[in-house]
Structure formats: structure tokens, C-alpha cells
Amino acid sequence: MNLGDKLKELRKEHNYSQQQLAEKLHVTAQAISKWENNKSVPDIINLVQLSEAI
């Protein structure tokens, strides 16, 4: 399982939309989409915030 798949799975387990998660992390929903589709990866600060959010 890659990072994008795991991120999407955890986001859905916690019942967050991409927009809701984006707001929590102060990024765009487009950034969340790119991470989930493995078109880009979150930086280290966003990885820490993700680990705390989900």
C-alpha cells in the first residue's frame, strides 16, 4: 500500500472529506487530492499534522 492509498483510507475512516481535512491542515483540497492520487507528497510539516489529525 502506498502513501496515497493509506491517506485516503484513514481519511475515510475518520469521516473527513478532502475539503475538511484540507481545512484542518491549512492546505487546499487539491493538495489532498494530489497526495491521495500519488501526484505529489506532503512535506514533513504536513506529514506531522496528518499524523495528529488522522
N, C-alpha and C. Protein backbone atom coordinates (compact mmCIF):
# COMPACT_ATOMS: atom_id res chain seq x y z
N MET A 1 0.85 -1.18 0.00
CA MET A 1 0.00 0.00 0.00
C MET A 1 0.89 1.24 0.00
N ASN A 2 0.56 2.18 -0.85
CA ASN A 2 1.36 3.40 -0.92
C ASN A 2 0.76 4.50 -0.04
N LEU A 3 1.47 5.59 0.07
CA LEU A 3 1.05 6.69 0.95
C LEU A 3 -0.33 7.22 0.58
N GLY A 4 -0.58 7.41 -0.70
CA GLY A 4 -1.87 7.95 -1.14
C GLY A 4 -3.03 7.07 -0.74
N ASP A 5 -2.87 5.77 -0.94
CA ASP A 5 -3.94 4.83 -0.57
C ASP A 5 -4.19 4.84 0.93
N LYS A 6 -3.11 4.86 1.71
CA LYS A 6 -3.24 4.86 3.16
C LYS A 6 -3.89 6.15 3.64
N LEU A 7 -3.49 7.27 3.06
CA LEU A 7 -4.08 8.55 3.43
C LEU A 7 -5.58 8.57 3.16
N LYS A 8 -5.97 8.09 1.99
CA LYS A 8 -7.38 8.06 1.62
C LYS A 8 -8.17 7.14 2.57
N GLU A 9 -7.60 5.99 2.87
CA GLU A 9 -8.25 5.05 3.78
C GLU A 9 -8.46 5.67 5.16
N LEU A 10 -7.43 6.28 5.71
CA LEU A 10 -7.53 6.89 7.04
C LEU A 10 -8.49 8.07 7.03
N ARG A 11 -8.47 8.86 5.96
CA ARG A 11 -9.39 10.00 5.87
C ARG A 11 -10.83 9.51 5.91
N LYS A 12 -11.12 8.45 5.17
CA LYS A 12 -12.49 7.92 5.13
C LYS A 12 -12.88 7.28 6.46
N GLU A 13 -11.93 6.61 7.12
CA GLU A 13 -12.21 6.02 8.43
C GLU A 13 -12.63 7.08 9.45
N HIS A 14 -12.06 8.27 9.31
CA HIS A 14 -12.37 9.36 10.24
C HIS A 14 -13.48 10.27 9.72
N ASN A 15 -14.10 9.84 8.62
CA ASN A 15 -15.24 10.57 8.04
C ASN A 15 -14.94 12.03 7.70
N TYR A 16 -13.75 12.26 7.15
CA TYR A 16 -13.40 13.59 6.67
C TYR A 16 -13.54 13.62 5.16
N SER A 17 -14.07 14.72 4.66
CA SER A 17 -14.00 14.95 3.22
C SER A 17 -12.60 15.51 2.94
N GLN A 18 -12.25 15.56 1.68
CA GLN A 18 -10.96 16.16 1.34
C GLN A 18 -10.93 17.62 1.78
N GLN A 19 -12.04 18.31 1.61
CA GLN A 19 -12.12 19.72 2.00
C GLN A 19 -11.96 19.88 3.51
N GLN A 20 -12.60 19.04 4.29
CA GLN A 20 -12.49 19.13 5.75
C GLN A 20 -11.05 18.89 6.21
N LEU A 21 -10.42 17.87 5.65
CA LEU A 21 -9.04 17.59 6.02
C LEU A 21 -8.13 18.73 5.59
N ALA A 22 -8.37 19.25 4.41
CA ALA A 22 -7.57 20.38 3.92
C ALA A 22 -7.66 21.57 4.86
N GLU A 23 -8.86 21.85 5.35
CA GLU A 23 -9.04 22.97 6.27
C GLU A 23 -8.29 22.74 7.58
N LYS A 24 -8.29 21.52 8.07
CA LYS A 24 -7.56 21.20 9.30
C LYS A 24 -6.05 21.40 9.13
N LEU A 25 -5.55 21.11 7.92
CA LEU A 25 -4.11 21.18 7.67
C LEU A 25 -3.69 22.52 7.05
N HIS A 26 -4.66 23.38 6.77
CA HIS A 26 -4.38 24.68 6.15
C HIS A 26 -3.71 24.51 4.78
N VAL A 27 -4.26 23.57 4.01
CA VAL A 27 -3.83 23.37 2.63
C VAL A 27 -5.10 23.36 1.78
N THR A 28 -4.95 23.19 0.48
CA THR A 28 -6.12 23.14 -0.40
C THR A 28 -6.61 21.70 -0.54
N ALA A 29 -7.86 21.57 -0.91
CA ALA A 29 -8.42 20.24 -1.19
C ALA A 29 -7.68 19.62 -2.37
N GLN A 30 -7.21 20.47 -3.28
CA GLN A 30 -6.45 19.98 -4.43
C GLN A 30 -5.15 19.31 -3.96
N ALA A 31 -4.52 19.85 -2.93
CA ALA A 31 -3.30 19.24 -2.38
C ALA A 31 -3.61 17.86 -1.82
N ILE A 32 -4.72 17.73 -1.10
CA ILE A 32 -5.11 16.43 -0.55
C ILE A 32 -5.34 15.45 -1.68
N SER A 33 -6.03 15.89 -2.71
CA SER A 33 -6.29 15.03 -3.87
C SER A 33 -4.99 14.56 -4.52
N LYS A 34 -4.05 15.47 -4.69
CA LYS A 34 -2.76 15.10 -5.29
C LYS A 34 -2.03 14.09 -4.43
N TRP A 35 -2.08 14.26 -3.12
CA TRP A 35 -1.42 13.30 -2.22
C TRP A 35 -2.07 11.92 -2.35
N GLU A 36 -3.40 11.91 -2.36
CA GLU A 36 -4.12 10.63 -2.43
C GLU A 36 -3.93 9.93 -3.78
N ASN A 37 -3.70 10.70 -4.82
CA ASN A 37 -3.50 10.13 -6.16
C ASN A 37 -2.03 9.97 -6.51
N ASN A 38 -1.17 10.14 -5.52
CA ASN A 38 0.28 9.97 -5.67
C ASN A 38 0.88 10.85 -6.76
N LYS A 39 0.31 12.05 -6.90
CA LYS A 39 0.87 13.01 -7.86
C LYS A 39 1.85 13.94 -7.18
N SER A 40 1.80 14.01 -5.86
CA SER A 40 2.76 14.74 -5.06
C SER A 40 2.72 14.14 -3.66
N VAL A 41 3.63 14.58 -2.82
CA VAL A 41 3.68 14.08 -1.44
C VAL A 41 3.69 15.27 -0.49
N PRO A 42 3.13 15.08 0.70
CA PRO A 42 3.14 16.17 1.68
C PRO A 42 4.55 16.41 2.20
N ASP A 43 4.83 17.65 2.55
CA ASP A 43 6.13 17.94 3.15
C ASP A 43 6.14 17.44 4.60
N ILE A 44 7.27 17.54 5.24
CA ILE A 44 7.42 16.97 6.59
C ILE A 44 6.47 17.62 7.60
N ILE A 45 6.24 18.90 7.47
CA ILE A 45 5.33 19.59 8.39
C ILE A 45 3.91 19.05 8.22
N ASN A 46 3.49 18.87 6.97
CA ASN A 46 2.14 18.34 6.72
C ASN A 46 2.05 16.88 7.14
N LEU A 47 3.12 16.12 7.02
CA LEU A 47 3.10 14.73 7.49
C LEU A 47 2.87 14.68 9.00
N VAL A 48 3.51 15.56 9.72
CA VAL A 48 3.32 15.61 11.18
C VAL A 48 1.88 15.99 11.49
N GLN A 49 1.36 16.99 10.79
CA GLN A 49 -0.03 17.42 11.02
C GLN A 49 -1.00 16.30 10.66
N LEU A 50 -0.72 15.56 9.59
CA LEU A 50 -1.57 14.42 9.22
C LEU A 50 -1.58 13.37 10.32
N SER A 51 -0.42 13.09 10.87
CA SER A 51 -0.34 12.05 11.91
C SER A 51 -1.15 12.47 13.15
N GLU A 52 -1.25 13.74 13.39
CA GLU A 52 -2.03 14.23 14.52
C GLU A 52 -3.52 14.29 14.20
N ALA A 53 -3.86 14.57 12.95
CA ALA A 53 -5.26 14.73 12.56
C ALA A 53 -5.97 13.41 12.34
N ILE A 54 -5.26 12.46 11.75
CA ILE A 54 -5.89 11.17 11.48
C ILE A 54 -5.00 10.09 12.00
